[in-house]
Amino acid sequence: MKKALIASVIASSFAFAANATDYSATLTGASDYLFNGISQTGEDPAIQGSFDIGFDNGFYVGTWASNVDFGSGDDANAEWDFYAGYSQDFADGWNYDLMINQYTYVGESDYNYPEVSAAITAPTDTTLRVWYTWKQFGQSNLDHTYVQLHQGYAIDEIWGLEAAYTYSKALSGPGADTYWYGKDHYSNWLVGVTASYQGFDFALNWQDTDIDNAKEADGRIFFSVSRTFDFK
């Protein structure tokens, strides 16, 4: 039932694309694909892209893709996500965002899973977001959540600073107690600088986790450059 509901919401949202007012596409080159501090590309670079459609009433839909590499013997070679959501300002400088996301993995469909999230952003460019899934990385009945606090700071029109802390927790289900490299939770963080110049967005930061027995979760420098194209 949950899976059917998510598929219905995303499909219905794309069906209304003809009434959209904003279209955008983003291309990104990154030194790694880090998902909550853990490499999804075997510590190799990633090429990523997205396409988003926005509506005047606050609804939006989109899709995002990246190459992945989970090691030898694993056939997954790309992640392709589909999402739909609703975002609104509700006070001076305040915003909330509700989203449904479907992760799909080309070559390893057993990994596919849905996710829901909710976020609130304050006038100080502080965002708190909570994610939840009942099928973490394709494992049936494995409830999982993670919470992130992200802080941005604009120095001027070009330069900015950012910091984030994320706590991931396997709540219940098969293997929950040892899901994250022998434990049911872990933390990760990042701190770095951002820049926007001539239509390009840059990020340079340090990311690390408290996982000490997995190379893909070791601390590292991360760099990315993105370009967004808007279509009206």
C-alpha atoms as a PDB file:
ATOM      1  CA  MET A   1       0.000   0.000   0.000  1.00  0.00           C
ATOM      2  CA  LYS A   2       2.767   2.467   0.913  1.00  0.00           C
ATOM      3  CA  LYS A   3       4.678   1.718  -2.283  1.00  0.00           C
ATOM      4  CA  ALA A   4       1.553   2.142  -4.407  1.00  0.00           C
ATOM      5  CA  LEU A   5       0.737   5.447  -2.720  1.00  0.00           C
ATOM      6  CA  ILE A   6       4.196   6.882  -3.412  1.00  0.00           C
ATOM      7  CA  ALA A   7       4.100   5.739  -7.040  1.00  0.00           C
ATOM      8  CA  SER A   8       0.654   7.315  -7.444  1.00  0.00           C
ATOM      9  CA  VAL A   9       1.730  10.653  -5.941  1.00  0.00           C
ATOM     10  CA  ILE A  10       4.852  10.928  -8.097  1.00  0.00           C
ATOM     11  CA  ALA A  11       3.031   9.855 -11.275  1.00  0.00           C
ATOM     12  CA  SER A  12       0.177  12.289 -10.630  1.00  0.00           C
ATOM     13  CA  SER A  13       2.622  15.125 -10.032  1.00  0.00           C
ATOM     14  CA  PHE A  14       4.385  14.544 -13.353  1.00  0.00           C
ATOM     15  CA  ALA A  15       1.002  14.420 -15.076  1.00  0.00           C
ATOM     16  CA  PHE A  16       0.470  18.080 -14.125  1.00  0.00           C
ATOM     17  CA  ALA A  17       3.799  19.167 -15.646  1.00  0.00           C
ATOM     18  CA  ALA A  18       1.961  20.989 -18.437  1.00  0.00           C
ATOM     19  CA  ASN A  19       0.823  23.547 -15.849  1.00  0.00           C
ATOM     20  CA  ALA A  20       4.315  24.108 -14.474  1.00  0.00           C
ATOM     21  CA  THR A  21       5.853  27.558 -14.355  1.00  0.00           C
ATOM     22  CA  ASP A  22       9.512  26.753 -13.690  1.00  0.00           C
ATOM     23  CA  TYR A  23      11.795  24.173 -15.224  1.00  0.00           C
ATOM     24  CA  SER A  24      15.450  23.681 -14.360  1.00  0.00           C
ATOM     25  CA  ALA A  25      18.241  21.210 -15.007  1.00  0.00           C
ATOM     26  CA  THR A  26      21.461  20.868 -13.028  1.00  0.00           C
ATOM     27  CA  LEU A  27      24.702  19.130 -13.987  1.00  0.00           C
ATOM     28  CA  THR A  28      27.288  18.353 -11.296  1.00  0.00           C
ATOM     29  CA  GLY A  29      30.814  16.989 -11.286  1.00  0.00           C
ATOM     30  CA  ALA A  30      32.020  15.819  -7.864  1.00  0.00           C
ATOM     31  CA  SER A  31      35.165  14.287  -6.403  1.00  0.00           C
ATOM     32  CA  ASP A  32      32.972  11.580  -4.827  1.00  0.00           C
ATOM     33  CA  TYR A  33      29.332  10.735  -4.270  1.00  0.00           C
ATOM     34  CA  LEU A  34      29.017  10.974  -0.495  1.00  0.00           C
ATOM     35  CA  PHE A  35      25.691   9.954   1.009  1.00  0.00           C
ATOM     36  CA  ASN A  36      25.743  11.020   4.646  1.00  0.00           C
ATOM     37  CA  GLY A  37      29.520  10.787   4.637  1.00  0.00           C
ATOM     38  CA  ILE A  38      29.765   7.336   3.015  1.00  0.00           C
ATOM     39  CA  SER A  39      31.123   6.966  -0.525  1.00  0.00           C
ATOM     40  CA  GLN A  40      28.679   5.502  -3.036  1.00  0.00           C
ATOM     41  CA  THR A  41      31.251   5.375  -5.853  1.00  0.00           C
ATOM     42  CA  GLY A  42      34.138   3.445  -4.322  1.00  0.00           C
ATOM     43  CA  GLU A  43      35.793   6.797  -3.532  1.00  0.00           C
ATOM     44  CA  ASP A  44      35.855   7.666  -7.234  1.00  0.00           C
ATOM     45  CA  PRO A  45      34.429  10.828  -8.903  1.00  0.00           C
ATOM     46  CA  ALA A  46      30.738  11.186  -9.728  1.00  0.00           C
ATOM     47  CA  ILE A  47      28.790  12.767 -12.561  1.00  0.00           C
ATOM     48  CA  GLN A  48      25.289  13.782 -11.513  1.00  0.00           C
ATOM     49  CA  GLY A  49      22.283  15.433 -13.075  1.00  0.00           C
ATOM     50  CA  SER A  50      18.786  16.519 -12.155  1.00  0.00           C
ATOM     51  CA  PHE A  51      15.671  17.934 -13.769  1.00  0.00           C
ATOM     52  CA  ASP A  52      13.081  19.816 -11.709  1.00  0.00           C
ATOM     53  CA  ILE A  53       9.617  21.209 -12.372  1.00  0.00           C
ATOM     54  CA  GLY A  54       8.060  23.814 -10.072  1.00  0.00           C
ATOM     55  CA  PHE A  55       4.472  25.057  -9.799  1.00  0.00           C
ATOM     56  CA  ASP A  56       3.059  28.350  -8.535  1.00  0.00           C
ATOM     57  CA  ASN A  57       1.088  26.550  -5.823  1.00  0.00           C
ATOM     58  CA  GLY A  58       4.240  25.203  -4.151  1.00  0.00           C
ATOM     59  CA  PHE A  59       4.252  21.681  -5.565  1.00  0.00           C
ATOM     60  CA  TYR A  60       7.319  20.371  -7.369  1.00  0.00           C
ATOM     61  CA  VAL A  61       8.528  17.155  -9.003  1.00  0.00           C
ATOM     62  CA  GLY A  62      11.935  16.073 -10.199  1.00  0.00           C
ATOM     63  CA  THR A  63      14.430  13.379 -10.963  1.00  0.00           C
ATOM     64  CA  TRP A  64      18.121  12.991 -10.059  1.00  0.00           C
ATOM     65  CA  ALA A  65      20.791  10.517 -11.180  1.00  0.00           C
ATOM     66  CA  SER A  66      24.395   9.606 -10.399  1.00  0.00           C
ATOM     67  CA  ASN A  67      26.867   6.852 -11.110  1.00  0.00           C
ATOM     68  CA  VAL A  68      27.485   4.443  -8.198  1.00  0.00           C
ATOM     69  CA  ASP A  69      29.937   1.653  -7.442  1.00  0.00           C
ATOM     70  CA  PHE A  70      29.411  -0.639  -4.452  1.00  0.00           C
ATOM     71  CA  GLY A  71      32.365  -2.886  -5.174  1.00  0.00           C
ATOM     72  CA  SER A  72      33.188  -6.085  -7.024  1.00  0.00           C
ATOM     73  CA  GLY A  73      30.358  -8.556  -7.404  1.00  0.00           C
ATOM     74  CA  ASP A  74      27.735  -5.809  -7.254  1.00  0.00           C
ATOM     75  CA  ASP A  75      25.894  -4.960 -10.488  1.00  0.00           C
ATOM     76  CA  ALA A  76      24.589  -1.521  -9.472  1.00  0.00           C
ATOM     77  CA  ASN A  77      26.097   1.134 -11.742  1.00  0.00           C
ATOM     78  CA  ALA A  78      23.712   4.074 -11.380  1.00  0.00           C
ATOM     79  CA  GLU A  79      21.228   5.557  -8.938  1.00  0.00           C
ATOM     80  CA  TRP A  80      18.139   7.180 -10.438  1.00  0.00           C
ATOM     81  CA  ASP A  81      15.722   8.899  -8.065  1.00  0.00           C
ATOM     82  CA  PHE A  82      12.251  10.356  -8.542  1.00  0.00           C
ATOM     83  CA  TYR A  83      10.657  12.786  -6.108  1.00  0.00           C
ATOM     84  CA  ALA A  84       7.674  15.016  -5.516  1.00  0.00           C
ATOM     85  CA  GLY A  85       7.052  17.567  -2.819  1.00  0.00           C
ATOM     86  CA  TYR A  86       5.386  20.677  -1.508  1.00  0.00           C
ATOM     87  CA  SER A  87       7.179  23.781  -0.206  1.00  0.00           C
ATOM     88  CA  GLN A  88       5.812  27.043   1.163  1.00  0.00           C
ATOM     89  CA  ASP A  89       6.934  30.144   3.040  1.00  0.00           C
ATOM     90  CA  PHE A  90       4.794  30.552   6.142  1.00  0.00           C
ATOM     91  CA  ALA A  91       6.370  33.569   7.833  1.00  0.00           C
ATOM     92  CA  ASP A  92       9.024  36.166   7.147  1.00  0.00           C
ATOM     93  CA  GLY A  93      12.049  34.118   6.120  1.00  0.00           C
ATOM     94  CA  TRP A  94      10.596  30.768   7.249  1.00  0.00           C
ATOM     95  CA  ASN A  95       9.876  27.836   4.937  1.00  0.00           C
ATOM     96  CA  TYR A  96       8.713  24.236   5.209  1.00  0.00           C
ATOM     97  CA  ASP A  97       9.222  21.435   2.711  1.00  0.00           C
ATOM     98  CA  LEU A  98       7.558  18.006   2.479  1.00  0.00           C
ATOM     99  CA  MET A  99       8.903  15.418   0.049  1.00  0.00           C
ATOM    100  CA  ILE A 100       8.437  11.836  -1.159  1.00  0.00           C
ATOM    101  CA  ASN A 101      11.414  10.200  -2.850  1.00  0.00           C
ATOM    102  CA  GLN A 102      11.873   6.887  -4.670  1.00  0.00           C
ATOM    103  CA  TYR A 103      15.431   5.568  -4.934  1.00  0.00           C
ATOM    104  CA  THR A 104      16.107   3.176  -7.815  1.00  0.00           C
ATOM    105  CA  TYR A 105      19.368   1.410  -8.663  1.00  0.00           C
ATOM    106  CA  VAL A 106      20.169   0.416 -12.224  1.00  0.00           C
ATOM    107  CA  GLY A 107      21.469  -3.155 -12.221  1.00  0.00           C
ATOM    108  CA  GLU A 108      20.326  -3.979  -8.666  1.00  0.00           C
ATOM    109  CA  SER A 109      16.587  -3.344  -8.398  1.00  0.00           C
ATOM    110  CA  ASP A 110      16.480  -5.185  -5.062  1.00  0.00           C
ATOM    111  CA  TYR A 111      18.082  -2.091  -3.520  1.00  0.00           C
ATOM    112  CA  ASN A 112      15.168   0.196  -4.504  1.00  0.00           C
ATOM    113  CA  TYR A 113      13.366   1.887  -1.651  1.00  0.00           C
ATOM    114  CA  PRO A 114      10.994   4.798  -0.864  1.00  0.00           C
ATOM    115  CA  GLU A 115      11.553   7.639   1.566  1.00  0.00           C
ATOM    116  CA  VAL A 116       9.582  10.548   3.030  1.00  0.00           C
ATOM    117  CA  SER A 117      11.021  13.697   4.573  1.00  0.00           C
ATOM    118  CA  ALA A 118      10.061  16.982   6.183  1.00  0.00           C
ATOM    119  CA  ALA A 119      12.160  20.110   6.644  1.00  0.00           C
ATOM    120  CA  ILE A 120      11.927  23.568   8.130  1.00  0.00           C
ATOM    121  CA  THR A 121      14.259  26.464   7.268  1.00  0.00           C
ATOM    122  CA  ALA A 122      14.733  29.528   9.461  1.00  0.00           C
ATOM    123  CA  PRO A 123      15.660  33.089   8.376  1.00  0.00           C
ATOM    124  CA  THR A 124      19.206  32.385   9.594  1.00  0.00           C
ATOM    125  CA  ASP A 125      19.645  29.867   6.716  1.00  0.00           C
ATOM    126  CA  THR A 126      19.353  27.047   9.242  1.00  0.00           C
ATOM    127  CA  THR A 127      17.605  23.907   7.996  1.00  0.00           C
ATOM    128  CA  LEU A 128      16.413  20.927  10.028  1.00  0.00           C
ATOM    129  CA  ARG A 129      15.289  17.929   7.963  1.00  0.00           C
ATOM    130  CA  VAL A 130      14.088  14.478   9.005  1.00  0.00           C
ATOM    131  CA  TRP A 131      13.956  11.469   6.634  1.00  0.00           C
ATOM    132  CA  TYR A 132      12.174   8.144   7.202  1.00  0.00           C
ATOM    133  CA  THR A 133      11.879   4.875   5.293  1.00  0.00           C
ATOM    134  CA  TRP A 134      10.402   1.489   6.119  1.00  0.00           C
ATOM    135  CA  LYS A 135      12.570  -0.337   3.550  1.00  0.00           C
ATOM    136  CA  GLN A 136      16.139   0.896   3.954  1.00  0.00           C
ATOM    137  CA  PHE A 137      18.211   0.105   0.852  1.00  0.00           C
ATOM    138  CA  GLY A 138      15.647  -2.460  -0.236  1.00  0.00           C
ATOM    139  CA  GLN A 139      15.552  -4.437   3.001  1.00  0.00           C
ATOM    140  CA  SER A 140      11.927  -5.244   3.792  1.00  0.00           C
ATOM    141  CA  ASN A 141      10.564  -4.024   7.120  1.00  0.00           C
ATOM    142  CA  LEU A 142      13.778  -2.251   8.080  1.00  0.00           C
ATOM    143  CA  ASP A 143      12.663   1.073   9.539  1.00  0.00           C
ATOM    144  CA  HIS A 144      15.313   3.745   9.284  1.00  0.00           C
ATOM    145  CA  THR A 145      15.597   7.481   9.885  1.00  0.00           C
ATOM    146  CA  TYR A 146      18.179  10.210   9.756  1.00  0.00           C
ATOM    147  CA  VAL A 147      18.120  13.795  10.976  1.00  0.00           C
ATOM    148  CA  GLN A 148      20.257  16.617   9.646  1.00  0.00           C
ATOM    149  CA  LEU A 149      20.950  20.129  10.893  1.00  0.00           C
ATOM    150  CA  HIS A 150      22.509  22.327   8.188  1.00  0.00           C
ATOM    151  CA  GLN A 151      23.775  25.869   8.626  1.00  0.00           C
ATOM    152  CA  GLY A 152      24.679  28.182   5.768  1.00  0.00           C
ATOM    153  CA  TYR A 153      26.211  31.637   5.947  1.00  0.00           C
ATOM    154  CA  ALA A 154      26.604  34.112   3.064  1.00  0.00           C
ATOM    155  CA  ILE A 155      29.808  36.138   3.300  1.00  0.00           C
ATOM    156  CA  ASP A 156      29.021  38.171   0.182  1.00  0.00           C
ATOM    157  CA  GLU A 157      27.435  37.645  -3.222  1.00  0.00           C
ATOM    158  CA  ILE A 158      30.046  35.029  -4.149  1.00  0.00           C
ATOM    159  CA  TRP A 159      31.395  33.336  -1.036  1.00  0.00           C
ATOM    160  CA  GLY A 160      29.647  31.405   1.698  1.00  0.00           C
ATOM    161  CA  LEU A 161      30.256  28.977   4.555  1.00  0.00           C
ATOM    162  CA  GLU A 162      28.372  25.818   5.484  1.00  0.00           C
ATOM    163  CA  ALA A 163      28.329  23.204   8.228  1.00  0.00           C
ATOM    164  CA  ALA A 164      26.105  20.182   8.793  1.00  0.00           C
ATOM    165  CA  TYR A 165      25.593  17.350  11.261  1.00  0.00           C
ATOM    166  CA  THR A 166      23.613  14.189  10.442  1.00  0.00           C
ATOM    167  CA  TYR A 167      22.562  11.327  12.710  1.00  0.00           C
ATOM    168  CA  SER A 168      21.469   8.070  11.038  1.00  0.00           C
ATOM    169  CA  LYS A 169      19.603   5.372  12.965  1.00  0.00           C
ATOM    170  CA  ALA A 170      18.255   1.920  12.055  1.00  0.00           C
ATOM    171  CA  LEU A 171      15.102   1.747  14.169  1.00  0.00           C
ATOM    172  CA  SER A 172      13.840  -1.836  13.844  1.00  0.00           C
ATOM    173  CA  GLY A 173      13.670  -4.790  11.530  1.00  0.00           C
ATOM    174  CA  PRO A 174      16.062  -7.480  10.255  1.00  0.00           C
ATOM    175  CA  GLY A 175      19.667  -6.598  11.014  1.00  0.00           C
ATOM    176  CA  ALA A 176      18.837  -3.216  12.553  1.00  0.00           C
ATOM    177  CA  ASP A 177      21.242  -3.704  15.471  1.00  0.00           C
ATOM    178  CA  THR A 178      24.236  -4.179  13.182  1.00  0.00           C
ATOM    179  CA  TYR A 179      23.119  -2.395  10.008  1.00  0.00           C
ATOM    180  CA  TRP A 180      25.795   0.327  10.023  1.00  0.00           C
ATOM    181  CA  TYR A 181      29.061  -1.626  10.114  1.00  0.00           C
ATOM    182  CA  GLY A 182      28.194  -3.497  13.293  1.00  0.00           C
ATOM    183  CA  LYS A 183      26.017  -0.927  15.039  1.00  0.00           C
ATOM    184  CA  ASP A 184      22.549   0.569  14.622  1.00  0.00           C
ATOM    185  CA  HIS A 185      23.564   4.214  14.232  1.00  0.00           C
ATOM    186  CA  TYR A 186      26.319   6.583  13.184  1.00  0.00           C
ATOM    187  CA  SER A 187      26.989  10.306  12.853  1.00  0.00           C
ATOM    188  CA  ASN A 188      28.600  12.355  10.113  1.00  0.00           C
ATOM    189  CA  TRP A 189      29.443  16.010   9.638  1.00  0.00           C
ATOM    190  CA  LEU A 190      30.840  18.474   7.169  1.00  0.00           C
ATOM    191  CA  VAL A 191      32.323  21.946   7.246  1.00  0.00           C
ATOM    192  CA  GLY A 192      33.390  23.965   4.243  1.00  0.00           C
ATOM    193  CA  VAL A 193      33.098  26.894   1.858  1.00  0.00           C
ATOM    194  CA  THR A 194      30.780  27.551  -1.077  1.00  0.00           C
ATOM    195  CA  ALA A 195      31.017  29.929  -4.007  1.00  0.00           C
ATOM    196  CA  SER A 196      28.836  31.060  -6.912  1.00  0.00           C
ATOM    197  CA  TYR A 197      30.418  32.697  -9.937  1.00  0.00           C
ATOM    198  CA  GLN A 198      29.383  33.189 -13.566  1.00  0.00           C
ATOM    199  CA  GLY A 199      26.486  30.771 -13.191  1.00  0.00           C
ATOM    200  CA  PHE A 200      28.564  28.024 -11.566  1.00  0.00           C
ATOM    201  CA  ASP A 201      28.225  26.785  -7.975  1.00  0.00           C
ATOM    202  CA  PHE A 202      31.252  25.404  -6.133  1.00  0.00           C
ATOM    203  CA  ALA A 203      31.569  23.499  -2.852  1.00  0.00           C
ATOM    204  CA  LEU A 204      34.741  22.543  -0.989  1.00  0.00           C
ATOM    205  CA  ASN A 205      34.412  20.855   2.379  1.00  0.00           C
ATOM    206  CA  TRP A 206      35.675  18.256   4.805  1.00  0.00           C
ATOM    207  CA  GLN A 207      33.355  15.344   5.584  1.00  0.00           C
ATOM    208  CA  ASP A 208      33.817  12.603   8.179  1.00  0.00           C
ATOM    209  CA  THR A 209      31.894   9.982  10.168  1.00  0.00           C
ATOM    210  CA  ASP A 210      32.328   8.165  13.482  1.00  0.00           C
ATOM    211  CA  ILE A 211      32.540   4.827  11.634  1.00  0.00           C
ATOM    212  CA  ASP A 212      36.087   3.521  12.140  1.00  0.00           C
ATOM    213  CA  ASN A 213      36.020   0.149  10.356  1.00  0.00           C
ATOM    214  CA  ALA A 214      35.068   1.095   6.773  1.00  0.00           C
ATOM    215  CA  LYS A 215      37.351   2.854   4.282  1.00  0.00           C
ATOM    216  CA  GLU A 216      34.394   4.319   2.389  1.00  0.00           C
ATOM    217  CA  ALA A 217      33.337   6.163   5.567  1.00  0.00           C
ATOM    218  CA  ASP A 218      36.728   7.719   6.323  1.00  0.00           C
ATOM    219  CA  GLY A 219      37.135  11.479   6.473  1.00  0.00           C
ATOM    220  CA  ARG A 220      37.926  13.199   3.184  1.00  0.00           C
ATOM    221  CA  ILE A 221      38.001  16.444   1.261  1.00  0.00           C
ATOM    222  CA  PHE A 222      35.017  16.833  -1.052  1.00  0.00           C
ATOM    223  CA  PHE A 223      34.799  19.149  -4.056  1.00  0.00           C
ATOM    224  CA  SER A 224      31.989  19.748  -6.534  1.00  0.00           C
ATOM    225  CA  VAL A 225      31.059  22.153  -9.309  1.00  0.00           C
ATOM    226  CA  SER A 226      27.497  22.560 -10.604  1.00  0.00           C
ATOM    227  CA  ARG A 227      25.701  24.502 -13.283  1.00  0.00           C
ATOM    228  CA  THR A 228      21.938  25.053 -13.254  1.00  0.00           C
ATOM    229  CA  PHE A 229      19.984  25.924 -16.377  1.00  0.00           C
ATOM    230  CA  ASP A 230      16.593  27.580 -15.947  1.00  0.00           C
ATOM    231  CA  PHE A 231      13.804  27.304 -18.515  1.00  0.00           C
ATOM    232  CA  LYS A 232      10.749  29.532 -18.209  1.00  0.00           C
END
